[in-house]
Amino acid sequence: MWQCSDTWKQLLTHQNCIHEQIRSRMNAGNACNHPVQNLVSSHLLLKNIKITTHMSIIFPSVLYGCKPWNVTLSIEYKLQMLENRVLRKIFGTRRDGITKDWVRWHSEEFHDLHCSPNIIWVMKSRRMR
């Protein structure tokens, strides 16, 4: 029998909590991110191709089975951190126009740079179906 399904049953029957399932899905997303890290951080590919790769490889592995998840703010924050980590690799670093220092991207700036939906919106839209 598949081991993940045993864990799923155990968590639902004993604790009625799925935090371990969500943690394992996020670990699966990190595991899917690792092989394509060189592809995502490459300067030779267009950013649209990198975002499409992100949407087609990492999103499905993280959001598999997300319909029964009880979404809390801490889970949303963790998923957003996972997505921002990948988007920082895609968009690279940037320099501040005034101070010429290297600065990190903020999550609001990612939404201005590309128009694809974020992981929280996709998860909530799947629950609505």
N, C-alpha and C. Protein backbone atom coordinates (compact mmCIF):
# COMPACT_ATOMS: atom_id res chain seq x y z
N MET A 1 0.84 -1.18 0.00
CA MET A 1 0.00 0.00 0.00
C MET A 1 0.88 1.24 0.00
N TRP A 2 0.41 2.27 -0.60
CA TRP A 2 1.16 3.51 -0.73
C TRP A 2 1.28 4.16 0.64
N GLN A 3 2.47 4.54 1.03
CA GLN A 3 2.73 5.01 2.38
C GLN A 3 2.05 6.35 2.67
N CYS A 4 2.00 7.21 1.69
CA CYS A 4 1.41 8.53 1.93
C CYS A 4 -0.08 8.41 2.28
N SER A 5 -0.79 7.45 1.67
CA SER A 5 -2.21 7.30 1.98
C SER A 5 -2.41 6.81 3.41
N ASP A 6 -1.47 5.96 3.93
CA ASP A 6 -1.56 5.53 5.31
C ASP A 6 -1.42 6.72 6.26
N THR A 7 -0.46 7.60 5.96
CA THR A 7 -0.26 8.79 6.78
C THR A 7 -1.50 9.67 6.74
N TRP A 8 -2.10 9.79 5.56
CA TRP A 8 -3.30 10.60 5.38
C TRP A 8 -4.42 10.08 6.27
N LYS A 9 -4.64 8.76 6.26
CA LYS A 9 -5.71 8.17 7.07
C LYS A 9 -5.42 8.36 8.55
N GLN A 10 -4.20 8.17 8.95
CA GLN A 10 -3.84 8.29 10.35
C GLN A 10 -4.07 9.71 10.86
N LEU A 11 -3.70 10.70 10.06
CA LEU A 11 -3.86 12.08 10.52
C LEU A 11 -5.33 12.47 10.60
N LEU A 12 -6.15 11.96 9.71
CA LEU A 12 -7.55 12.30 9.75
C LEU A 12 -8.29 11.59 10.87
N THR A 13 -7.88 10.37 11.21
CA THR A 13 -8.62 9.65 12.24
C THR A 13 -8.19 10.03 13.65
N HIS A 14 -6.91 10.23 13.89
CA HIS A 14 -6.45 10.47 15.25
C HIS A 14 -6.54 11.93 15.67
N GLN A 15 -6.12 12.83 14.82
CA GLN A 15 -6.03 14.22 15.22
C GLN A 15 -7.02 15.13 14.49
N ASN A 16 -7.56 14.66 13.39
CA ASN A 16 -8.42 15.48 12.54
C ASN A 16 -7.71 16.76 12.12
N CYS A 17 -6.41 16.64 11.86
CA CYS A 17 -5.56 17.76 11.50
C CYS A 17 -4.68 17.34 10.33
N ILE A 18 -4.44 18.20 9.39
CA ILE A 18 -3.68 17.80 8.20
C ILE A 18 -2.40 18.60 8.03
N HIS A 19 -1.84 19.09 9.11
CA HIS A 19 -0.62 19.88 9.01
C HIS A 19 0.54 19.05 8.47
N GLU A 20 0.60 17.77 8.83
CA GLU A 20 1.67 16.91 8.32
C GLU A 20 1.51 16.69 6.82
N GLN A 21 0.28 16.56 6.36
CA GLN A 21 0.04 16.39 4.92
C GLN A 21 0.48 17.65 4.16
N ILE A 22 0.17 18.81 4.69
CA ILE A 22 0.57 20.05 4.03
C ILE A 22 2.08 20.19 4.04
N ARG A 23 2.71 19.82 5.14
CA ARG A 23 4.17 19.88 5.22
C ARG A 23 4.81 18.93 4.20
N SER A 24 4.24 17.75 4.03
CA SER A 24 4.80 16.81 3.05
C SER A 24 4.60 17.31 1.63
N ARG A 25 3.49 17.99 1.35
CA ARG A 25 3.26 18.55 0.00
C ARG A 25 4.26 19.69 -0.27
N MET A 26 4.55 20.49 0.75
CA MET A 26 5.53 21.56 0.58
C MET A 26 6.93 20.97 0.38
N ASN A 27 7.24 19.90 1.07
CA ASN A 27 8.52 19.22 0.84
C ASN A 27 8.59 18.64 -0.56
N ALA A 28 7.46 18.16 -1.07
CA ALA A 28 7.42 17.66 -2.44
C ALA A 28 7.65 18.81 -3.43
N GLY A 29 7.12 19.98 -3.14
CA GLY A 29 7.37 21.14 -3.99
C GLY A 29 8.83 21.54 -3.99
N ASN A 30 9.46 21.48 -2.82
CA ASN A 30 10.90 21.77 -2.75
C ASN A 30 11.70 20.73 -3.51
N ALA A 31 11.27 19.47 -3.41
CA ALA A 31 11.97 18.40 -4.13
C ALA A 31 11.82 18.56 -5.65
N CYS A 32 10.68 19.05 -6.10
CA CYS A 32 10.49 19.30 -7.54
C CYS A 32 11.25 20.54 -7.99
N ASN A 33 11.46 21.47 -7.09
CA ASN A 33 12.18 22.70 -7.41
C ASN A 33 13.67 22.45 -7.57
N HIS A 34 14.19 21.51 -6.82
CA HIS A 34 15.64 21.29 -6.83
C HIS A 34 16.20 20.89 -8.20
N PRO A 35 15.61 19.95 -8.95
CA PRO A 35 16.18 19.59 -10.25
C PRO A 35 16.11 20.70 -11.31
N VAL A 36 15.12 21.59 -11.19
CA VAL A 36 14.98 22.64 -12.20
C VAL A 36 15.57 23.97 -11.74
N GLN A 37 16.33 23.96 -10.66
CA GLN A 37 16.88 25.20 -10.12
C GLN A 37 17.84 25.87 -11.10
N ASN A 38 18.68 25.09 -11.78
CA ASN A 38 19.59 25.68 -12.76
C ASN A 38 18.83 26.26 -13.94
N LEU A 39 17.75 25.60 -14.33
CA LEU A 39 16.93 26.09 -15.43
C LEU A 39 16.25 27.41 -15.05
N VAL A 40 15.73 27.47 -13.84
CA VAL A 40 15.00 28.65 -13.39
C VAL A 40 15.92 29.85 -13.18
N SER A 41 17.14 29.60 -12.74
CA SER A 41 18.04 30.73 -12.49
C SER A 41 18.90 31.08 -13.69
N SER A 42 18.69 30.43 -14.81
CA SER A 42 19.47 30.70 -16.01
C SER A 42 19.09 32.06 -16.61
N HIS A 43 20.08 32.75 -17.14
CA HIS A 43 19.82 34.04 -17.78
C HIS A 43 19.52 33.88 -19.27
N LEU A 44 19.61 32.66 -19.78
CA LEU A 44 19.40 32.41 -21.19
C LEU A 44 17.93 32.24 -21.55
N LEU A 45 17.10 31.89 -20.59
CA LEU A 45 15.68 31.67 -20.85
C LEU A 45 14.87 32.92 -20.52
N LEU A 46 13.76 33.06 -21.23
CA LEU A 46 12.84 34.16 -20.94
C LEU A 46 12.12 33.91 -19.63
N LYS A 47 11.72 34.98 -18.98
CA LYS A 47 11.04 34.85 -17.70
C LYS A 47 9.68 34.18 -17.85
N ASN A 48 9.02 34.34 -18.99
CA ASN A 48 7.73 33.68 -19.20
C ASN A 48 7.88 32.17 -19.22
N ILE A 49 8.96 31.69 -19.81
CA ILE A 49 9.22 30.24 -19.83
C ILE A 49 9.51 29.74 -18.43
N LYS A 50 10.25 30.51 -17.67
CA LYS A 50 10.55 30.12 -16.29
C LYS A 50 9.29 30.08 -15.43
N ILE A 51 8.41 31.05 -15.60
CA ILE A 51 7.17 31.08 -14.83
C ILE A 51 6.26 29.93 -15.24
N THR A 52 6.22 29.61 -16.54
CA THR A 52 5.44 28.47 -17.00
C THR A 52 5.97 27.18 -16.42
N THR A 53 7.29 27.06 -16.33
CA THR A 53 7.90 25.89 -15.71
C THR A 53 7.50 25.80 -14.25
N HIS A 54 7.53 26.91 -13.58
CA HIS A 54 7.13 26.98 -12.17
C HIS A 54 5.67 26.56 -12.00
N MET A 55 4.80 27.07 -12.87
CA MET A 55 3.38 26.79 -12.77
C MET A 55 3.06 25.34 -13.13
N SER A 56 3.84 24.73 -14.01
CA SER A 56 3.52 23.38 -14.45
C SER A 56 4.23 22.29 -13.65
N ILE A 57 5.27 22.62 -12.92
CA ILE A 57 6.00 21.59 -12.17
C ILE A 57 5.76 21.73 -10.66
N ILE A 58 5.93 22.90 -10.13
CA ILE A 58 5.90 23.07 -8.68
C ILE A 58 4.47 23.20 -8.15
N PHE A 59 3.63 23.98 -8.82
CA PHE A 59 2.25 24.15 -8.36
C PHE A 59 1.52 22.82 -8.21
N PRO A 60 1.52 21.96 -9.24
CA PRO A 60 0.77 20.70 -9.08
C PRO A 60 1.29 19.81 -7.96
N SER A 61 2.59 19.79 -7.77
CA SER A 61 3.12 18.94 -6.70
C SER A 61 2.77 19.47 -5.32
N VAL A 62 2.69 20.78 -5.16
CA VAL A 62 2.34 21.35 -3.85
C VAL A 62 0.84 21.29 -3.62
N LEU A 63 0.05 21.54 -4.65
CA LEU A 63 -1.39 21.65 -4.48
C LEU A 63 -2.15 20.35 -4.71
N TYR A 64 -1.44 19.24 -4.83
CA TYR A 64 -2.12 17.95 -4.99
C TYR A 64 -2.90 17.63 -3.73
N GLY A 65 -4.19 17.44 -3.87
CA GLY A 65 -5.03 17.11 -2.73
C GLY A 65 -5.32 18.28 -1.82
N CYS A 66 -5.36 19.49 -2.34
CA CYS A 66 -5.54 20.68 -1.49
C CYS A 66 -7.01 20.98 -1.18
N LYS A 67 -7.95 20.26 -1.77
CA LYS A 67 -9.36 20.58 -1.53
C LYS A 67 -9.79 20.41 -0.08
N PRO A 68 -9.35 19.35 0.63
CA PRO A 68 -9.82 19.24 2.02
C PRO A 68 -9.01 20.03 3.04
N TRP A 69 -8.02 20.80 2.60
CA TRP A 69 -7.17 21.51 3.54
C TRP A 69 -7.96 22.60 4.24
N ASN A 70 -7.75 22.70 5.52
CA ASN A 70 -8.31 23.80 6.30
C ASN A 70 -7.27 24.93 6.28
N VAL A 71 -7.50 25.93 5.49
CA VAL A 71 -6.51 26.95 5.24
C VAL A 71 -6.51 27.99 6.36
N THR A 72 -5.36 28.14 6.99
CA THR A 72 -5.19 29.16 8.01
C THR A 72 -4.17 30.18 7.51
N LEU A 73 -4.02 31.24 8.24
CA LEU A 73 -3.07 32.26 7.83
C LEU A 73 -1.63 31.75 7.87
N SER A 74 -1.32 30.87 8.82
CA SER A 74 0.04 30.34 8.87
C SER A 74 0.34 29.45 7.67
N ILE A 75 -0.65 28.68 7.21
CA ILE A 75 -0.46 27.85 6.02
C ILE A 75 -0.32 28.74 4.80
N GLU A 76 -1.15 29.77 4.69
CA GLU A 76 -1.03 30.70 3.57
C GLU A 76 0.34 31.35 3.55
N TYR A 77 0.85 31.73 4.71
CA TYR A 77 2.15 32.37 4.81
C TYR A 77 3.26 31.42 4.35
N LYS A 78 3.18 30.16 4.76
CA LYS A 78 4.20 29.19 4.37
C LYS A 78 4.16 28.91 2.87
N LEU A 79 2.97 28.80 2.30
CA LEU A 79 2.86 28.59 0.86
C LEU A 79 3.37 29.80 0.08
N GLN A 80 3.07 30.98 0.59
CA GLN A 80 3.55 32.20 -0.07
C GLN A 80 5.06 32.30 0.00
N MET A 81 5.65 31.88 1.12
CA MET A 81 7.12 31.86 1.23
C MET A 81 7.73 30.90 0.22
N LEU A 82 7.10 29.75 0.04
CA LEU A 82 7.59 28.78 -0.93
C LEU A 82 7.56 29.36 -2.34
N GLU A 83 6.46 30.00 -2.68
CA GLU A 83 6.34 30.60 -4.01
C GLU A 83 7.32 31.76 -4.18
N ASN A 84 7.47 32.60 -3.18
CA ASN A 84 8.40 33.73 -3.28
C ASN A 84 9.83 33.28 -3.45
N ARG A 85 10.19 32.17 -2.82
CA ARG A 85 11.55 31.64 -2.96
C ARG A 85 11.83 31.27 -4.42
N VAL A 86 10.86 30.66 -5.06
CA VAL A 86 11.03 30.28 -6.47
C VAL A 86 11.03 31.52 -7.36
N LEU A 87 10.16 32.47 -7.08
CA LEU A 87 10.09 33.68 -7.90
C LEU A 87 11.35 34.53 -7.75
N ARG A 88 11.96 34.52 -6.59
CA ARG A 88 13.23 35.24 -6.43
C ARG A 88 14.32 34.63 -7.29
N LYS A 89 14.29 33.31 -7.44
CA LYS A 89 15.25 32.65 -8.33
C LYS A 89 14.96 33.02 -9.78
N ILE A 90 13.69 33.11 -10.14
CA ILE A 90 13.32 33.42 -11.53
C ILE A 90 13.72 34.84 -11.89
N PHE A 91 13.38 35.79 -11.07
CA PHE A 91 13.61 37.19 -11.41
C PHE A 91 15.01 37.68 -11.04
N GLY A 92 15.74 36.90 -10.27
CA GLY A 92 17.11 37.27 -9.93
C GLY A 92 17.16 38.42 -8.95
N THR A 93 18.31 39.03 -8.87
CA THR A 93 18.48 40.15 -7.95
C THR A 93 18.25 41.47 -8.69
N ARG A 94 18.10 42.51 -7.94
CA ARG A 94 17.91 43.82 -8.54
C ARG A 94 18.68 44.85 -7.73
N ARG A 95 18.96 45.96 -8.38
CA ARG A 95 19.66 47.06 -7.71
C ARG A 95 18.71 48.21 -7.47
N ASP A 96 18.88 48.81 -6.35
CA ASP A 96 18.10 49.99 -6.02
C ASP A 96 18.58 51.14 -6.90
N GLY A 97 17.66 51.91 -7.44
CA GLY A 97 18.01 52.99 -8.36
C GLY A 97 18.76 54.14 -7.70
N ILE A 98 18.52 54.37 -6.45
CA ILE A 98 19.13 55.52 -5.77
C ILE A 98 20.44 55.14 -5.09
N THR A 99 20.39 54.09 -4.27
CA THR A 99 21.57 53.75 -3.48
C THR A 99 22.51 52.77 -4.18
N LYS A 100 22.07 52.18 -5.27
CA LYS A 100 22.85 51.19 -6.04
C LYS A 100 23.22 49.96 -5.21
N ASP A 101 22.43 49.66 -4.18
CA ASP A 101 22.64 48.46 -3.37
C ASP A 101 21.75 47.34 -3.91
N TRP A 102 22.18 46.10 -3.65
CA TRP A 102 21.37 44.95 -4.01
C TRP A 102 20.26 44.79 -2.99
N VAL A 103 19.03 44.68 -3.46
CA VAL A 103 17.88 44.54 -2.57
C VAL A 103 17.06 43.32 -2.98
N ARG A 104 16.29 42.80 -2.02
CA ARG A 104 15.43 41.65 -2.27
C ARG A 104 14.10 42.10 -2.82
N TRP A 105 13.49 41.22 -3.62
CA TRP A 105 12.15 41.47 -4.11
C TRP A 105 11.15 41.28 -2.97
N HIS A 106 10.09 42.06 -2.97
CA HIS A 106 9.00 41.89 -2.02
C HIS A 106 7.86 41.19 -2.74
N SER A 107 6.98 40.57 -1.99
CA SER A 107 5.91 39.78 -2.60
C SER A 107 4.97 40.65 -3.44
N GLU A 108 4.76 41.89 -3.04
CA GLU A 108 3.89 42.78 -3.82
C GLU A 108 4.52 43.09 -5.18
N GLU A 109 5.82 43.17 -5.23
CA GLU A 109 6.51 43.48 -6.48
C GLU A 109 6.43 42.32 -7.46
N PHE A 110 6.36 41.09 -6.97
CA PHE A 110 6.23 39.95 -7.86
C PHE A 110 4.92 40.00 -8.62
N HIS A 111 3.87 40.42 -7.95
CA HIS A 111 2.57 40.49 -8.61
C HIS A 111 2.53 41.59 -9.66
N ASP A 112 3.36 42.60 -9.49
CA ASP A 112 3.44 43.65 -10.51
C ASP A 112 4.25 43.18 -11.73
N LEU A 113 5.19 42.27 -11.52
CA LEU A 113 6.07 41.82 -12.60
C LEU A 113 5.44 40.78 -13.50
N HIS A 114 4.58 39.94 -12.98
CA HIS A 114 3.95 38.92 -13.82
C HIS A 114 2.49 38.81 -13.45
N CYS A 115 1.69 38.36 -14.40
CA CYS A 115 0.24 38.37 -14.19
C CYS A 115 -0.32 36.99 -13.87
N SER A 116 0.51 35.99 -13.65
CA SER A 116 0.00 34.66 -13.33
C SER A 116 -0.52 34.64 -11.89
N PRO A 117 -1.50 33.80 -11.61
CA PRO A 117 -2.07 33.79 -10.26
C PRO A 117 -1.10 33.21 -9.24
N ASN A 118 -1.22 33.67 -8.01
CA ASN A 118 -0.34 33.14 -6.97
C ASN A 118 -0.91 31.83 -6.43
N ILE A 119 -0.13 31.17 -5.61
CA ILE A 119 -0.47 29.83 -5.15
C ILE A 119 -1.69 29.83 -4.23
N ILE A 120 -1.89 30.90 -3.48
CA ILE A 120 -3.03 30.99 -2.57
C ILE A 120 -4.32 31.11 -3.37
N TRP A 121 -4.32 31.91 -4.41
CA TRP A 121 -5.50 32.09 -5.24
C TRP A 121 -5.86 30.79 -5.94
N VAL A 122 -4.87 30.08 -6.46
CA VAL A 122 -5.12 28.81 -7.14
C VAL A 122 -5.70 27.79 -6.16
N MET A 123 -5.16 27.73 -4.96
CA MET A 123 -5.65 26.80 -3.96
C MET A 123 -7.10 27.11 -3.58
N LYS A 124 -7.41 28.36 -3.37
CA LYS A 124 -8.77 28.72 -3.00
C LYS A 124 -9.77 28.49 -4.14
N SER A 125 -9.31 28.72 -5.38
CA SER A 125 -10.21 28.47 -6.51
C SER A 125 -10.48 26.98 -6.70
N ARG A 126 -9.52 26.14 -6.37
CA ARG A 126 -9.75 24.69 -6.45
C ARG A 126 -10.72 24.24 -5.38
N ARG A 127 -10.71 24.87 -4.25
CA ARG A 127 -11.66 24.50 -3.19
C ARG A 127 -13.07 24.91 -3.55
N MET A 128 -13.24 25.94 -4.36
CA MET A 128 -14.57 26.42 -4.72
C MET A 128 -15.27 25.49 -5.69
N ARG A 129 -14.50 24.68 -6.42
CA ARG A 129 -15.14 23.81 -7.42
C ARG A 129 -15.91 22.71 -6.79
